[in-house]
Amino acid sequence: MELLNLIFRLGVLFAIYSFIWFFIDAFLGILRTGRQKTLVENYLIKSVKYLFLVNVTFLFALDLNKNELSPLNVMPTIIILVAYFVGKFQQKQQQMTLFGQLMPEMKQNDFHLQSEIVLIVCSVILFAGLLFFPNYAENGIANWFHKSILDIENTAIIGFFFKVIGFFFLLNMIIKMLNAINYVLSGKPLMDIRTSFRSGKSDNDKFDDFEEIN
């Protein structure tokens, strides 16, 4: 039950953090006066976004473990955080593949495979580093995010909405865990949810399959 509660609470945290970041990103868009982000700008912003998400998740782990952290009691948190990052990565990769088939002439400035992988690895290293230097997790920006997330979560209507998102995040993680266990035991996932998209040129009515992630 503790693991299920952890997954649910982290799902709520991720959803509210993304909600707050939406407004931050919108404000940055206003400062750019409509100019499209370059690849470098995109990953600088995304690096900051992931940095503070890791920081806030660490503060959340401190709360749950009553300020007593060890690699063992935070391991589930790290695994869920990595699963979240990998899910976002796969989702974006899927979108770029689909978009590339629809409009191959359009240049994409918001996805770079190697940069995504480096960003995820650095995020994990940052979380591990905070275990040894927890004082660095206490900073003004991270504390503001942390407090804002808790305030929104405790708000009656809006908080309930994000708890619903947390519930579906929990279900999604359970399905992924069951798939992983069944794959180890039988060599195939328990559930294989796929959606089909017709490619640009029809060749004997072939379809390309894209796995649905998150």
N, C-alpha and C. Protein backbone atom coordinates (compact mmCIF):
# COMPACT_ATOMS: atom_id res chain seq x y z
N MET A 1 0.82 -1.21 0.00
CA MET A 1 0.00 0.00 0.00
C MET A 1 0.86 1.26 0.00
N GLU A 2 2.00 1.21 0.70
CA GLU A 2 2.87 2.38 0.73
C GLU A 2 3.40 2.72 -0.66
N LEU A 3 3.72 1.67 -1.44
CA LEU A 3 4.21 1.90 -2.80
C LEU A 3 3.11 2.52 -3.66
N LEU A 4 1.88 2.02 -3.55
CA LEU A 4 0.77 2.57 -4.32
C LEU A 4 0.52 4.02 -3.95
N ASN A 5 0.59 4.33 -2.65
CA ASN A 5 0.41 5.71 -2.21
C ASN A 5 1.52 6.61 -2.75
N LEU A 6 2.75 6.09 -2.77
CA LEU A 6 3.88 6.86 -3.30
C LEU A 6 3.68 7.16 -4.78
N ILE A 7 3.28 6.16 -5.55
CA ILE A 7 3.05 6.37 -6.99
C ILE A 7 1.95 7.39 -7.21
N PHE A 8 0.87 7.26 -6.44
CA PHE A 8 -0.25 8.20 -6.57
C PHE A 8 0.19 9.63 -6.25
N ARG A 9 0.91 9.81 -5.14
CA ARG A 9 1.33 11.14 -4.73
C ARG A 9 2.31 11.75 -5.74
N LEU A 10 3.20 10.92 -6.28
CA LEU A 10 4.13 11.42 -7.28
C LEU A 10 3.40 11.79 -8.57
N GLY A 11 2.38 11.02 -8.92
CA GLY A 11 1.58 11.36 -10.09
C GLY A 11 0.93 12.72 -9.94
N VAL A 12 0.40 13.00 -8.76
CA VAL A 12 -0.19 14.32 -8.48
C VAL A 12 0.88 15.40 -8.56
N LEU A 13 2.05 15.13 -7.96
CA LEU A 13 3.15 16.11 -7.99
C LEU A 13 3.57 16.44 -9.41
N PHE A 14 3.77 15.40 -10.24
CA PHE A 14 4.20 15.63 -11.63
C PHE A 14 3.16 16.43 -12.40
N ALA A 15 1.89 16.12 -12.18
CA ALA A 15 0.82 16.82 -12.91
C ALA A 15 0.76 18.30 -12.52
N ILE A 16 0.84 18.58 -11.22
CA ILE A 16 0.77 19.98 -10.78
C ILE A 16 2.01 20.75 -11.21
N TYR A 17 3.17 20.10 -11.14
CA TYR A 17 4.40 20.76 -11.58
C TYR A 17 4.30 21.13 -13.06
N SER A 18 3.78 20.22 -13.89
CA SER A 18 3.62 20.51 -15.31
C SER A 18 2.63 21.65 -15.52
N PHE A 19 1.60 21.70 -14.68
CA PHE A 19 0.60 22.77 -14.75
C PHE A 19 1.25 24.12 -14.46
N ILE A 20 2.07 24.18 -13.42
CA ILE A 20 2.77 25.43 -13.08
C ILE A 20 3.76 25.81 -14.19
N TRP A 21 4.48 24.81 -14.69
CA TRP A 21 5.48 25.09 -15.71
C TRP A 21 4.85 25.57 -17.01
N PHE A 22 3.61 25.17 -17.27
CA PHE A 22 2.91 25.63 -18.46
C PHE A 22 2.86 27.16 -18.49
N PHE A 23 2.59 27.77 -17.35
CA PHE A 23 2.50 29.23 -17.28
C PHE A 23 3.89 29.87 -17.37
N ILE A 24 4.88 29.20 -16.80
CA ILE A 24 6.26 29.70 -16.92
C ILE A 24 6.68 29.69 -18.39
N ASP A 25 6.39 28.59 -19.07
CA ASP A 25 6.75 28.47 -20.48
C ASP A 25 5.99 29.48 -21.33
N ALA A 26 4.73 29.72 -20.98
CA ALA A 26 3.94 30.71 -21.71
C ALA A 26 4.54 32.11 -21.54
N PHE A 27 5.00 32.42 -20.33
CA PHE A 27 5.63 33.73 -20.07
C PHE A 27 6.92 33.86 -20.87
N LEU A 28 7.72 32.78 -20.94
CA LEU A 28 8.94 32.81 -21.72
C LEU A 28 8.63 33.00 -23.21
N GLY A 29 7.49 32.42 -23.65
CA GLY A 29 7.08 32.60 -25.03
C GLY A 29 6.74 34.05 -25.34
N ILE A 30 6.14 34.72 -24.37
CA ILE A 30 5.83 36.15 -24.54
C ILE A 30 7.12 36.96 -24.67
N LEU A 31 8.12 36.61 -23.86
CA LEU A 31 9.40 37.31 -23.93
C LEU A 31 10.09 37.11 -25.28
N ARG A 32 9.83 35.95 -25.91
CA ARG A 32 10.42 35.70 -27.22
C ARG A 32 9.64 36.40 -28.33
N THR A 33 8.52 37.01 -27.96
CA THR A 33 7.66 37.75 -28.91
C THR A 33 7.28 36.90 -30.13
N GLY A 34 6.93 35.64 -29.87
CA GLY A 34 6.45 34.78 -30.95
C GLY A 34 7.53 34.06 -31.71
N ARG A 35 8.79 34.35 -31.45
CA ARG A 35 9.88 33.67 -32.17
C ARG A 35 9.98 32.22 -31.70
N GLN A 36 10.16 31.31 -32.64
CA GLN A 36 10.27 29.89 -32.29
C GLN A 36 11.57 29.62 -31.55
N LYS A 37 11.49 28.73 -30.56
CA LYS A 37 12.69 28.37 -29.80
C LYS A 37 13.68 27.61 -30.68
N THR A 38 14.96 27.90 -30.49
CA THR A 38 15.99 27.09 -31.13
C THR A 38 16.18 25.81 -30.33
N LEU A 39 16.90 24.87 -30.90
CA LEU A 39 17.15 23.61 -30.20
C LEU A 39 17.91 23.85 -28.90
N VAL A 40 18.90 24.76 -28.94
CA VAL A 40 19.68 25.05 -27.74
C VAL A 40 18.80 25.69 -26.66
N GLU A 41 17.98 26.65 -27.06
CA GLU A 41 17.08 27.29 -26.11
C GLU A 41 16.12 26.28 -25.50
N ASN A 42 15.60 25.40 -26.33
CA ASN A 42 14.65 24.40 -25.85
C ASN A 42 15.26 23.53 -24.76
N TYR A 43 16.50 23.08 -24.98
CA TYR A 43 17.10 22.18 -24.00
C TYR A 43 17.68 22.92 -22.80
N LEU A 44 17.98 24.18 -22.94
CA LEU A 44 18.34 24.96 -21.76
C LEU A 44 17.14 25.10 -20.83
N ILE A 45 15.98 25.42 -21.43
CA ILE A 45 14.75 25.55 -20.64
C ILE A 45 14.34 24.21 -20.05
N LYS A 46 14.45 23.17 -20.86
CA LYS A 46 14.06 21.84 -20.39
C LYS A 46 14.99 21.35 -19.28
N SER A 47 16.27 21.71 -19.36
CA SER A 47 17.22 21.34 -18.31
C SER A 47 16.83 21.98 -16.98
N VAL A 48 16.45 23.25 -17.03
CA VAL A 48 16.00 23.94 -15.81
C VAL A 48 14.73 23.29 -15.28
N LYS A 49 13.81 22.97 -16.20
CA LYS A 49 12.56 22.32 -15.80
C LYS A 49 12.82 21.00 -15.09
N TYR A 50 13.68 20.16 -15.66
CA TYR A 50 13.98 18.86 -15.07
C TYR A 50 14.77 19.01 -13.77
N LEU A 51 15.67 20.00 -13.74
CA LEU A 51 16.48 20.22 -12.54
C LEU A 51 15.59 20.49 -11.33
N PHE A 52 14.63 21.39 -11.48
CA PHE A 52 13.77 21.72 -10.35
C PHE A 52 12.73 20.64 -10.08
N LEU A 53 12.35 19.88 -11.11
CA LEU A 53 11.45 18.75 -10.85
C LEU A 53 12.15 17.71 -9.99
N VAL A 54 13.41 17.42 -10.31
CA VAL A 54 14.19 16.50 -9.48
C VAL A 54 14.33 17.05 -8.06
N ASN A 55 14.61 18.34 -7.97
CA ASN A 55 14.77 18.99 -6.67
C ASN A 55 13.49 18.89 -5.83
N VAL A 56 12.35 19.20 -6.45
CA VAL A 56 11.07 19.15 -5.74
C VAL A 56 10.71 17.70 -5.37
N THR A 57 11.01 16.77 -6.26
CA THR A 57 10.75 15.36 -5.95
C THR A 57 11.58 14.90 -4.76
N PHE A 58 12.81 15.40 -4.69
CA PHE A 58 13.67 15.07 -3.55
C PHE A 58 13.08 15.63 -2.26
N LEU A 59 12.60 16.87 -2.29
CA LEU A 59 11.96 17.47 -1.11
C LEU A 59 10.72 16.68 -0.71
N PHE A 60 10.00 16.19 -1.71
CA PHE A 60 8.82 15.38 -1.45
C PHE A 60 9.22 14.07 -0.76
N ALA A 61 10.33 13.47 -1.23
CA ALA A 61 10.83 12.24 -0.60
C ALA A 61 11.25 12.51 0.85
N LEU A 62 11.82 13.69 1.09
CA LEU A 62 12.18 14.06 2.46
C LEU A 62 10.95 14.11 3.35
N ASP A 63 9.86 14.68 2.83
CA ASP A 63 8.62 14.76 3.60
C ASP A 63 8.09 13.37 3.94
N LEU A 64 8.06 12.50 2.94
CA LEU A 64 7.50 11.17 3.15
C LEU A 64 8.33 10.33 4.12
N ASN A 65 9.65 10.53 4.09
CA ASN A 65 10.54 9.74 4.92
C ASN A 65 10.99 10.47 6.18
N LYS A 66 10.29 11.56 6.52
CA LYS A 66 10.54 12.32 7.74
C LYS A 66 12.01 12.72 7.87
N ASN A 67 12.54 13.25 6.75
CA ASN A 67 13.92 13.78 6.68
C ASN A 67 14.99 12.72 6.92
N GLU A 68 14.63 11.45 6.84
CA GLU A 68 15.62 10.38 6.99
C GLU A 68 15.69 9.61 5.68
N LEU A 69 16.71 9.94 4.89
CA LEU A 69 16.84 9.34 3.56
C LEU A 69 18.03 8.40 3.50
N SER A 70 17.85 7.34 2.73
CA SER A 70 18.93 6.42 2.41
C SER A 70 18.68 5.90 1.00
N PRO A 71 19.70 5.34 0.34
CA PRO A 71 19.47 4.83 -1.02
C PRO A 71 18.33 3.81 -1.09
N LEU A 72 18.10 3.07 0.00
CA LEU A 72 17.06 2.05 -0.02
C LEU A 72 15.66 2.64 0.04
N ASN A 73 15.42 3.59 0.95
CA ASN A 73 14.05 4.09 1.07
C ASN A 73 13.67 5.12 0.02
N VAL A 74 14.65 5.57 -0.77
CA VAL A 74 14.29 6.48 -1.88
C VAL A 74 14.37 5.78 -3.23
N MET A 75 14.77 4.51 -3.24
CA MET A 75 14.88 3.80 -4.51
C MET A 75 13.57 3.76 -5.29
N PRO A 76 12.42 3.49 -4.63
CA PRO A 76 11.16 3.52 -5.40
C PRO A 76 10.89 4.89 -6.02
N THR A 77 11.24 5.97 -5.30
CA THR A 77 11.04 7.32 -5.83
C THR A 77 11.89 7.54 -7.08
N ILE A 78 13.14 7.10 -7.03
CA ILE A 78 14.04 7.26 -8.18
C ILE A 78 13.51 6.47 -9.37
N ILE A 79 13.05 5.24 -9.12
CA ILE A 79 12.55 4.39 -10.20
C ILE A 79 11.32 5.03 -10.86
N ILE A 80 10.40 5.55 -10.04
CA ILE A 80 9.19 6.19 -10.59
C ILE A 80 9.55 7.45 -11.36
N LEU A 81 10.52 8.22 -10.84
CA LEU A 81 10.95 9.44 -11.52
C LEU A 81 11.56 9.11 -12.88
N VAL A 82 12.42 8.08 -12.92
CA VAL A 82 13.03 7.67 -14.18
C VAL A 82 11.96 7.17 -15.15
N ALA A 83 11.00 6.39 -14.64
CA ALA A 83 9.91 5.89 -15.49
C ALA A 83 9.12 7.05 -16.09
N TYR A 84 8.94 8.10 -15.29
CA TYR A 84 8.22 9.29 -15.78
C TYR A 84 9.02 9.96 -16.89
N PHE A 85 10.32 10.16 -16.68
CA PHE A 85 11.15 10.80 -17.70
C PHE A 85 11.20 9.97 -18.98
N VAL A 86 11.37 8.66 -18.82
CA VAL A 86 11.45 7.78 -20.00
C VAL A 86 10.12 7.78 -20.74
N GLY A 87 9.01 7.80 -20.00
CA GLY A 87 7.70 7.86 -20.63
C GLY A 87 7.52 9.13 -21.44
N LYS A 88 7.95 10.27 -20.89
CA LYS A 88 7.87 11.54 -21.62
C LYS A 88 8.76 11.50 -22.86
N PHE A 89 9.94 10.90 -22.72
CA PHE A 89 10.86 10.78 -23.84
C PHE A 89 10.25 9.94 -24.96
N GLN A 90 9.69 8.79 -24.61
CA GLN A 90 9.10 7.92 -25.62
C GLN A 90 7.88 8.57 -26.27
N GLN A 91 7.12 9.29 -25.48
CA GLN A 91 5.96 9.99 -26.02
C GLN A 91 6.37 11.04 -27.03
N LYS A 92 7.41 11.80 -26.70
CA LYS A 92 7.91 12.84 -27.61
C LYS A 92 8.51 12.21 -28.87
N GLN A 93 9.22 11.11 -28.70
CA GLN A 93 9.81 10.43 -29.85
C GLN A 93 8.71 9.92 -30.78
N GLN A 94 7.65 9.40 -30.20
CA GLN A 94 6.52 8.94 -30.99
C GLN A 94 5.87 10.09 -31.75
N GLN A 95 5.70 11.23 -31.08
CA GLN A 95 5.09 12.40 -31.73
C GLN A 95 5.95 12.90 -32.88
N MET A 96 7.28 12.92 -32.67
CA MET A 96 8.17 13.40 -33.72
C MET A 96 8.17 12.47 -34.92
N THR A 97 8.08 11.16 -34.68
CA THR A 97 8.02 10.20 -35.78
C THR A 97 6.74 10.39 -36.58
N LEU A 98 5.63 10.55 -35.86
CA LEU A 98 4.35 10.77 -36.51
C LEU A 98 4.35 12.09 -37.28
N PHE A 99 4.86 13.15 -36.66
CA PHE A 99 4.88 14.47 -37.28
C PHE A 99 5.81 14.47 -38.50
N GLY A 100 6.90 13.71 -38.40
CA GLY A 100 7.84 13.63 -39.51
C GLY A 100 7.22 12.98 -40.73
N GLN A 101 6.31 12.03 -40.52
CA GLN A 101 5.65 11.40 -41.66
C GLN A 101 4.58 12.30 -42.26
N LEU A 102 3.94 13.10 -41.40
CA LEU A 102 2.90 13.99 -41.89
C LEU A 102 3.49 15.17 -42.66
N MET A 103 4.54 15.78 -42.07
CA MET A 103 5.16 16.96 -42.69
C MET A 103 6.68 16.84 -42.63
N PRO A 104 7.24 15.98 -43.49
CA PRO A 104 8.70 15.74 -43.45
C PRO A 104 9.53 16.97 -43.78
N GLU A 105 8.93 17.96 -44.43
CA GLU A 105 9.69 19.16 -44.82
C GLU A 105 9.87 20.12 -43.66
N MET A 106 9.11 19.92 -42.58
CA MET A 106 9.17 20.84 -41.45
C MET A 106 10.36 20.47 -40.55
N LYS A 107 11.14 21.47 -40.17
CA LYS A 107 12.29 21.27 -39.30
C LYS A 107 11.86 21.33 -37.84
N GLN A 108 12.28 20.33 -37.06
CA GLN A 108 11.89 20.26 -35.66
C GLN A 108 13.02 20.77 -34.76
N ASN A 109 12.69 21.68 -33.85
CA ASN A 109 13.69 22.27 -32.97
C ASN A 109 13.45 21.92 -31.49
N ASP A 110 12.60 20.93 -31.24
CA ASP A 110 12.30 20.62 -29.85
C ASP A 110 12.55 19.17 -29.47
N PHE A 111 13.30 18.44 -30.32
CA PHE A 111 13.64 17.06 -29.96
C PHE A 111 14.99 16.70 -30.54
N HIS A 112 15.85 16.17 -29.65
CA HIS A 112 17.17 15.68 -30.07
C HIS A 112 17.47 14.45 -29.23
N LEU A 113 17.62 13.32 -29.87
CA LEU A 113 17.71 12.03 -29.18
C LEU A 113 18.81 12.01 -28.13
N GLN A 114 20.03 12.36 -28.54
CA GLN A 114 21.15 12.31 -27.60
C GLN A 114 20.97 13.27 -26.43
N SER A 115 20.43 14.45 -26.71
CA SER A 115 20.22 15.43 -25.65
C SER A 115 19.18 14.94 -24.64
N GLU A 116 18.15 14.27 -25.14
CA GLU A 116 17.12 13.72 -24.24
C GLU A 116 17.73 12.69 -23.30
N ILE A 117 18.55 11.81 -23.85
CA ILE A 117 19.17 10.76 -23.03
C ILE A 117 20.11 11.37 -21.99
N VAL A 118 20.93 12.34 -22.43
CA VAL A 118 21.86 13.00 -21.51
C VAL A 118 21.09 13.69 -20.40
N LEU A 119 19.98 14.31 -20.74
CA LEU A 119 19.16 15.03 -19.76
C LEU A 119 18.59 14.08 -18.70
N ILE A 120 18.13 12.92 -19.13
CA ILE A 120 17.60 11.94 -18.18
C ILE A 120 18.70 11.41 -17.27
N VAL A 121 19.85 11.10 -17.86
CA VAL A 121 20.97 10.59 -17.06
C VAL A 121 21.43 11.63 -16.04
N CYS A 122 21.54 12.88 -16.47
CA CYS A 122 21.96 13.95 -15.56
C CYS A 122 20.94 14.16 -14.45
N SER A 123 19.67 13.98 -14.75
CA SER A 123 18.62 14.13 -13.74
C SER A 123 18.77 13.07 -12.66
N VAL A 124 19.06 11.84 -13.07
CA VAL A 124 19.26 10.75 -12.11
C VAL A 124 20.50 11.02 -11.25
N ILE A 125 21.57 11.49 -11.89
CA ILE A 125 22.80 11.81 -11.16
C ILE A 125 22.55 12.93 -10.15
N LEU A 126 21.74 13.93 -10.55
CA LEU A 126 21.42 15.02 -9.65
C LEU A 126 20.66 14.53 -8.42
N PHE A 127 19.69 13.66 -8.63
CA PHE A 127 18.93 13.12 -7.50
C PHE A 127 19.86 12.35 -6.56
N ALA A 128 20.74 11.53 -7.14
CA ALA A 128 21.69 10.77 -6.32
C ALA A 128 22.62 11.71 -5.57
N GLY A 129 23.04 12.80 -6.23
CA GLY A 129 23.92 13.76 -5.58
C GLY A 129 23.26 14.45 -4.40
N LEU A 130 21.95 14.71 -4.51
CA LEU A 130 21.24 15.34 -3.40
C LEU A 130 21.15 14.44 -2.18
N LEU A 131 21.27 13.14 -2.38
CA LEU A 131 21.29 12.22 -1.23
C LEU A 131 22.51 12.48 -0.34
N PHE A 132 23.61 12.85 -0.98
CA PHE A 132 24.84 13.10 -0.23
C PHE A 132 24.97 14.57 0.20
N PHE A 133 24.29 15.45 -0.52
CA PHE A 133 24.34 16.88 -0.18
C PHE A 133 22.92 17.43 -0.11
N PRO A 134 22.11 16.96 0.84
CA PRO A 134 20.69 17.36 0.91
C PRO A 134 20.48 18.85 1.17
N ASN A 135 21.48 19.53 1.72
CA ASN A 135 21.32 20.96 2.00
C ASN A 135 21.09 21.77 0.72
N TYR A 136 21.64 21.27 -0.40
CA TYR A 136 21.48 22.00 -1.66
C TYR A 136 20.05 21.93 -2.18
N ALA A 137 19.26 20.98 -1.67
CA ALA A 137 17.87 20.88 -2.10
C ALA A 137 17.01 22.00 -1.53
N GLU A 138 17.48 22.57 -0.43
CA GLU A 138 16.74 23.67 0.20
C GLU A 138 17.17 24.99 -0.41
N ASN A 139 16.43 25.44 -1.40
CA ASN A 139 16.70 26.73 -2.02
C ASN A 139 15.37 27.42 -2.30
N GLY A 140 15.43 28.70 -2.54
CA GLY A 140 14.22 29.50 -2.65
C GLY A 140 13.28 29.04 -3.75
N ILE A 141 13.81 28.74 -4.94
CA ILE A 141 12.95 28.37 -6.07
C ILE A 141 12.30 27.02 -5.83
N ALA A 142 13.10 26.03 -5.39
CA ALA A 142 12.55 24.69 -5.14
C ALA A 142 11.52 24.72 -4.02
N ASN A 143 11.80 25.50 -2.98
CA ASN A 143 10.84 25.62 -1.88
C ASN A 143 9.53 26.27 -2.34
N TRP A 144 9.64 27.24 -3.26
CA TRP A 144 8.43 27.87 -3.79
C TRP A 144 7.60 26.87 -4.59
N PHE A 145 8.27 26.09 -5.46
CA PHE A 145 7.57 25.05 -6.20
C PHE A 145 6.90 24.06 -5.24
N HIS A 146 7.66 23.64 -4.25
CA HIS A 146 7.16 22.64 -3.29
C HIS A 146 5.92 23.15 -2.57
N LYS A 147 5.98 24.38 -2.07
CA LYS A 147 4.84 24.95 -1.36
C LYS A 147 3.65 25.16 -2.29
N SER A 148 3.92 25.64 -3.50
CA SER A 148 2.83 25.88 -4.46
C SER A 148 2.13 24.58 -4.83
N ILE A 149 2.89 23.52 -5.01
CA ILE A 149 2.31 22.22 -5.36
C ILE A 149 1.42 21.72 -4.23
N LEU A 150 1.90 21.83 -3.00
CA LEU A 150 1.10 21.38 -1.85
C LEU A 150 -0.16 22.23 -1.70
N ASP A 151 -0.04 23.53 -1.94
CA ASP A 151 -1.21 24.42 -1.83
C ASP A 151 -2.26 24.05 -2.87
N ILE A 152 -1.82 23.81 -4.11
CA ILE A 152 -2.76 23.45 -5.17
C ILE A 152 -3.38 22.09 -4.89
N GLU A 153 -2.56 21.15 -4.41
CA GLU A 153 -3.07 19.81 -4.10
C GLU A 153 -4.15 19.86 -3.03
N ASN A 154 -4.01 20.77 -2.07
CA ASN A 154 -4.98 20.87 -0.97
C ASN A 154 -6.18 21.75 -1.30
N THR A 155 -6.18 22.34 -2.51
CA THR A 155 -7.34 23.14 -2.93
C THR A 155 -8.47 22.19 -3.32
N ALA A 156 -9.70 22.54 -2.93
CA ALA A 156 -10.83 21.62 -3.06
C ALA A 156 -11.04 21.12 -4.49
N ILE A 157 -11.40 21.99 -5.42
CA ILE A 157 -11.80 21.55 -6.76
C ILE A 157 -10.57 21.23 -7.62
N ILE A 158 -9.63 22.18 -7.68
CA ILE A 158 -8.45 21.96 -8.51
C ILE A 158 -7.62 20.78 -8.00
N GLY A 159 -7.51 20.69 -6.68
CA GLY A 159 -6.77 19.58 -6.09
C GLY A 159 -7.38 18.24 -6.45
N PHE A 160 -8.72 18.16 -6.44
CA PHE A 160 -9.41 16.91 -6.81
C PHE A 160 -9.10 16.54 -8.26
N PHE A 161 -9.08 17.54 -9.14
CA PHE A 161 -8.78 17.30 -10.55
C PHE A 161 -7.40 16.65 -10.70
N PHE A 162 -6.42 17.18 -9.99
CA PHE A 162 -5.07 16.62 -10.10
C PHE A 162 -4.96 15.26 -9.41
N LYS A 163 -5.78 15.02 -8.43
CA LYS A 163 -5.80 13.70 -7.80
C LYS A 163 -6.36 12.64 -8.75
N VAL A 164 -7.31 13.06 -9.60
CA VAL A 164 -7.81 12.15 -10.63
C VAL A 164 -6.68 11.79 -11.60
N ILE A 165 -5.88 12.80 -11.97
CA ILE A 165 -4.73 12.55 -12.84
C ILE A 165 -3.75 11.62 -12.15
N GLY A 166 -3.53 11.83 -10.85
CA GLY A 166 -2.65 10.96 -10.08
C GLY A 166 -3.15 9.53 -10.06
N PHE A 167 -4.47 9.34 -10.00
CA PHE A 167 -5.05 8.00 -10.01
C PHE A 167 -4.75 7.30 -11.33
N PHE A 168 -4.91 8.01 -12.45
CA PHE A 168 -4.63 7.40 -13.74
C PHE A 168 -3.13 7.15 -13.92
N PHE A 169 -2.31 8.02 -13.35
CA PHE A 169 -0.86 7.78 -13.35
C PHE A 169 -0.55 6.49 -12.61
N LEU A 170 -1.24 6.28 -11.47
CA LEU A 170 -1.08 5.06 -10.70
C LEU A 170 -1.45 3.83 -11.53
N LEU A 171 -2.60 3.90 -12.22
CA LEU A 171 -3.03 2.78 -13.05
C LEU A 171 -2.02 2.50 -14.15
N ASN A 172 -1.51 3.56 -14.76
CA ASN A 172 -0.53 3.41 -15.84
C ASN A 172 0.74 2.74 -15.35
N MET A 173 1.20 3.14 -14.16
CA MET A 173 2.41 2.54 -13.59
C MET A 173 2.17 1.08 -13.22
N ILE A 174 0.98 0.76 -12.72
CA ILE A 174 0.66 -0.63 -12.38
C ILE A 174 0.70 -1.50 -13.64
N ILE A 175 0.11 -0.98 -14.73
CA ILE A 175 0.11 -1.72 -15.99
C ILE A 175 1.54 -1.95 -16.48
N LYS A 176 2.37 -0.91 -16.36
CA LYS A 176 3.77 -1.05 -16.79
C LYS A 176 4.51 -2.09 -15.95
N MET A 177 4.26 -2.08 -14.63
CA MET A 177 4.92 -3.06 -13.76
C MET A 177 4.45 -4.47 -14.07
N LEU A 178 3.13 -4.64 -14.30
CA LEU A 178 2.60 -5.96 -14.65
C LEU A 178 3.17 -6.43 -15.98
N ASN A 179 3.28 -5.52 -16.94
CA ASN A 179 3.88 -5.86 -18.24
C ASN A 179 5.33 -6.32 -18.08
N ALA A 180 6.08 -5.58 -17.24
CA ALA A 180 7.49 -5.92 -17.02
C ALA A 180 7.62 -7.30 -16.37
N ILE A 181 6.79 -7.57 -15.35
CA ILE A 181 6.84 -8.87 -14.67
C ILE A 181 6.46 -10.00 -15.62
N ASN A 182 5.39 -9.78 -16.38
CA ASN A 182 4.94 -10.82 -17.31
C ASN A 182 5.95 -11.05 -18.43
N TYR A 183 6.65 -9.95 -18.83
CA TYR A 183 7.67 -10.09 -19.87
C TYR A 183 8.83 -10.95 -19.39
N VAL A 184 9.21 -10.76 -18.13
CA VAL A 184 10.30 -11.57 -17.54
C VAL A 184 9.89 -13.04 -17.46
N LEU A 185 8.62 -13.28 -17.12
CA LEU A 185 8.14 -14.65 -16.91
C LEU A 185 7.82 -15.37 -18.22
N SER A 186 7.23 -14.64 -19.19
CA SER A 186 6.75 -15.31 -20.39
C SER A 186 7.38 -14.81 -21.68
N GLY A 187 8.12 -13.70 -21.61
CA GLY A 187 8.76 -13.18 -22.81
C GLY A 187 7.89 -12.24 -23.62
N LYS A 188 6.71 -11.90 -23.11
CA LYS A 188 5.85 -10.95 -23.81
C LYS A 188 5.05 -10.15 -22.79
N PRO A 189 4.69 -8.91 -23.13
CA PRO A 189 3.95 -8.08 -22.17
C PRO A 189 2.56 -8.62 -21.93
N LEU A 190 2.02 -8.32 -20.73
CA LEU A 190 0.67 -8.75 -20.39
C LEU A 190 -0.36 -8.02 -21.24
N MET A 191 -0.14 -6.71 -21.47
CA MET A 191 -1.03 -5.90 -22.29
C MET A 191 -0.21 -5.19 -23.34
N ASP A 192 -0.68 -5.21 -24.57
CA ASP A 192 0.02 -4.55 -25.67
C ASP A 192 -0.97 -3.62 -26.35
N ILE A 193 -1.00 -2.34 -25.89
CA ILE A 193 -1.95 -1.37 -26.41
C ILE A 193 -1.30 -0.64 -27.57
N ARG A 194 -1.84 -0.78 -28.73
CA ARG A 194 -1.26 -0.15 -29.91
C ARG A 194 -2.30 0.59 -30.71
N THR A 195 -1.84 1.58 -31.41
CA THR A 195 -2.73 2.31 -32.32
C THR A 195 -2.06 2.37 -33.68
N SER A 196 -2.83 2.37 -34.73
CA SER A 196 -2.28 2.31 -36.08
C SER A 196 -2.45 3.62 -36.81
N PHE A 197 -1.48 3.93 -37.64
CA PHE A 197 -1.52 5.16 -38.44
C PHE A 197 -1.06 4.82 -39.84
N ARG A 198 -1.85 5.23 -40.79
CA ARG A 198 -1.51 4.94 -42.18
C ARG A 198 -0.39 5.85 -42.64
N SER A 199 0.62 5.26 -43.28
CA SER A 199 1.75 6.04 -43.77
C SER A 199 1.33 6.85 -44.98
N GLY A 200 2.20 7.80 -45.38
CA GLY A 200 1.85 8.74 -46.43
C GLY A 200 1.55 8.06 -47.75
N LYS A 201 2.36 7.08 -48.16
CA LYS A 201 2.14 6.39 -49.41
C LYS A 201 1.61 5.00 -49.13
N SER A 202 0.52 4.67 -49.76
CA SER A 202 -0.10 3.36 -49.53
C SER A 202 0.62 2.32 -50.36
N ASP A 203 1.03 1.22 -49.71
CA ASP A 203 1.68 0.11 -50.38
C ASP A 203 1.05 -1.17 -49.88
N ASN A 204 0.07 -1.67 -50.65
CA ASN A 204 -0.67 -2.86 -50.25
C ASN A 204 -1.33 -2.68 -48.90
N ASP A 205 -1.83 -1.45 -48.66
CA ASP A 205 -2.57 -1.14 -47.43
C ASP A 205 -1.77 -1.45 -46.18
N LYS A 206 -0.47 -1.13 -46.19
CA LYS A 206 0.37 -1.34 -45.01
C LYS A 206 0.12 -0.25 -44.00
N PHE A 207 0.29 -0.60 -42.72
CA PHE A 207 0.14 0.37 -41.64
C PHE A 207 1.39 0.32 -40.78
N ASP A 208 1.72 1.49 -40.18
CA ASP A 208 2.81 1.56 -39.22
C ASP A 208 2.22 1.60 -37.84
N ASP A 209 2.77 0.80 -36.92
CA ASP A 209 2.26 0.74 -35.54
C ASP A 209 3.10 1.62 -34.64
N PHE A 210 2.42 2.33 -33.77
CA PHE A 210 3.09 3.16 -32.79
C PHE A 210 2.56 2.76 -31.43
N GLU A 211 3.45 2.40 -30.52
CA GLU A 211 3.02 2.00 -29.19
C GLU A 211 2.56 3.21 -28.39
N GLU A 212 1.45 3.06 -27.74
CA GLU A 212 0.90 4.16 -26.95
C GLU A 212 1.64 4.23 -25.61
N ILE A 213 2.26 5.35 -25.35
CA ILE A 213 2.99 5.55 -24.09
C ILE A 213 2.33 6.67 -23.34
N ASN A 214 2.01 6.40 -22.07
CA ASN A 214 1.37 7.42 -21.24
C ASN A 214 0.11 7.95 -21.92
